């Protein structure tokens, strides 16, 4: 028969492992979203400005539009994606409200 201190130690270890898994999932999601945002803002706006320069949105070249508007729009969309994805991660690790 396990003593109560042994059960508490086992429970504490499981809680710690769950917390580590939760933060790994959180950091992974943040990394993916930031990589997407960096590609959209820096990659499409600066690195690929030459090849994409002939594409226009209205009368504005696409790279200029991505730097001025597109990166902000993508960032706002990513905020909502992060909220939905984190809700799922919270439920998976049983830390939801």
Protein backbone atom coordinates (compact mmCIF):
# COMPACT_ATOMS: atom_id res chain seq x y z
CA UNK A 1 0.00 0.00 0.00
CA UNK A 2 1.37 3.41 -0.98
CA UNK A 3 1.71 6.07 1.62
CA UNK A 4 0.01 9.41 1.05
CA UNK A 5 3.38 11.12 0.56
CA UNK A 6 4.27 8.62 -2.20
CA UNK A 7 0.95 9.34 -3.91
CA UNK A 8 1.52 13.10 -3.60
CA UNK A 9 5.00 12.71 -5.10
CA UNK A 10 3.62 10.66 -7.97
CA UNK A 11 0.83 13.18 -8.54
CA UNK A 12 3.26 16.09 -8.40
CA UNK A 13 5.47 14.40 -11.00
CA UNK A 14 2.47 13.83 -13.29
CA UNK A 15 1.42 17.47 -12.86
CA UNK A 16 4.94 18.62 -13.69
CA UNK A 17 5.07 16.44 -16.81
CA UNK A 18 1.67 17.76 -17.89
CA UNK A 19 2.84 21.35 -17.33
CA UNK A 20 5.99 20.74 -19.38
CA UNK A 21 3.91 19.21 -22.20
CA UNK A 22 1.50 22.14 -22.07
CA UNK A 23 4.26 24.73 -22.38
CA UNK A 24 6.00 22.77 -25.15
CA UNK A 25 2.73 22.77 -27.12
CA UNK A 26 2.27 26.49 -26.41
CA UNK A 27 5.82 27.43 -27.47
CA UNK A 28 5.55 25.26 -30.60
CA UNK A 29 2.32 27.01 -31.62
CA UNK A 30 3.83 30.44 -30.97
CA UNK A 31 6.92 29.52 -33.01
CA UNK A 32 4.85 28.36 -35.98
CA UNK A 33 2.65 31.46 -35.94
CA UNK A 34 5.64 33.80 -35.64
CA UNK A 35 7.40 32.01 -38.51
CA UNK A 36 4.32 32.50 -40.70
CA UNK A 37 4.11 36.15 -39.74
CA UNK A 38 7.83 36.69 -40.39
CA UNK A 39 7.54 35.06 -43.81
CA UNK A 40 4.54 37.18 -44.74
CA UNK A 41 5.96 40.47 -43.48
CA UNK A 42 9.66 40.08 -44.24
CA UNK A 43 9.71 37.37 -46.90
CA UNK A 44 6.93 38.65 -49.14
CA UNK A 45 7.61 42.31 -48.41
CA UNK A 46 11.39 42.43 -48.79
CA UNK A 47 13.04 39.20 -49.88
CA UNK A 48 10.61 38.46 -52.70
CA UNK A 49 9.95 42.09 -53.62
CA UNK A 50 11.71 41.75 -56.98
CA UNK A 51 9.83 38.72 -58.32
CA UNK A 52 6.50 39.89 -56.87
CA UNK A 53 6.94 43.53 -57.93
CA UNK A 54 4.87 43.07 -61.09
CA UNK A 55 1.80 41.92 -59.15
CA UNK A 56 -0.47 44.79 -58.17
CA UNK A 57 -3.32 45.11 -55.70
CA UNK A 58 -5.22 48.06 -57.03
CA UNK A 59 -2.49 50.48 -58.12
CA UNK A 60 -0.05 49.35 -55.42
CA UNK A 61 2.71 46.74 -55.92
CA UNK A 62 2.05 43.56 -53.93
CA UNK A 63 5.27 43.69 -51.81
CA UNK A 64 4.49 47.25 -50.72
CA UNK A 65 0.93 46.26 -49.87
CA UNK A 66 2.15 43.26 -47.83
CA UNK A 67 4.49 45.45 -45.79
CA UNK A 68 1.89 48.17 -45.21
CA UNK A 69 -1.31 46.15 -44.78
CA UNK A 70 -0.89 42.43 -45.34
CA UNK A 71 1.41 41.76 -42.40
CA UNK A 72 -0.97 43.54 -40.04
CA UNK A 73 -3.97 41.63 -41.39
CA UNK A 74 -2.12 38.31 -41.08
CA UNK A 75 -1.09 39.19 -37.51
CA UNK A 76 -4.70 39.93 -36.51
CA UNK A 77 -5.84 36.65 -38.09
CA UNK A 78 -3.08 34.84 -36.20
CA UNK A 79 -4.37 36.28 -32.91
CA UNK A 80 -7.71 34.57 -33.51
CA UNK A 81 -6.01 31.36 -34.69
CA UNK A 82 -3.86 31.38 -31.54
CA UNK A 83 -6.93 31.82 -29.32
CA UNK A 84 -8.78 28.92 -30.97
CA UNK A 85 -5.72 26.64 -31.00
CA UNK A 86 -4.85 27.44 -27.39
CA UNK A 87 -8.41 26.64 -26.37
CA UNK A 88 -7.88 23.17 -27.81
CA UNK A 89 -4.49 22.82 -26.12
CA UNK A 90 -6.01 23.98 -22.81
CA UNK A 91 -8.69 21.29 -23.07
CA UNK A 92 -6.15 18.64 -24.05
CA UNK A 93 -4.06 19.35 -20.96
CA UNK A 94 -7.09 19.98 -18.75
CA UNK A 95 -6.24 23.57 -17.89
CA UNK A 96 -9.25 25.17 -19.56
CA UNK A 97 -11.56 27.57 -17.75
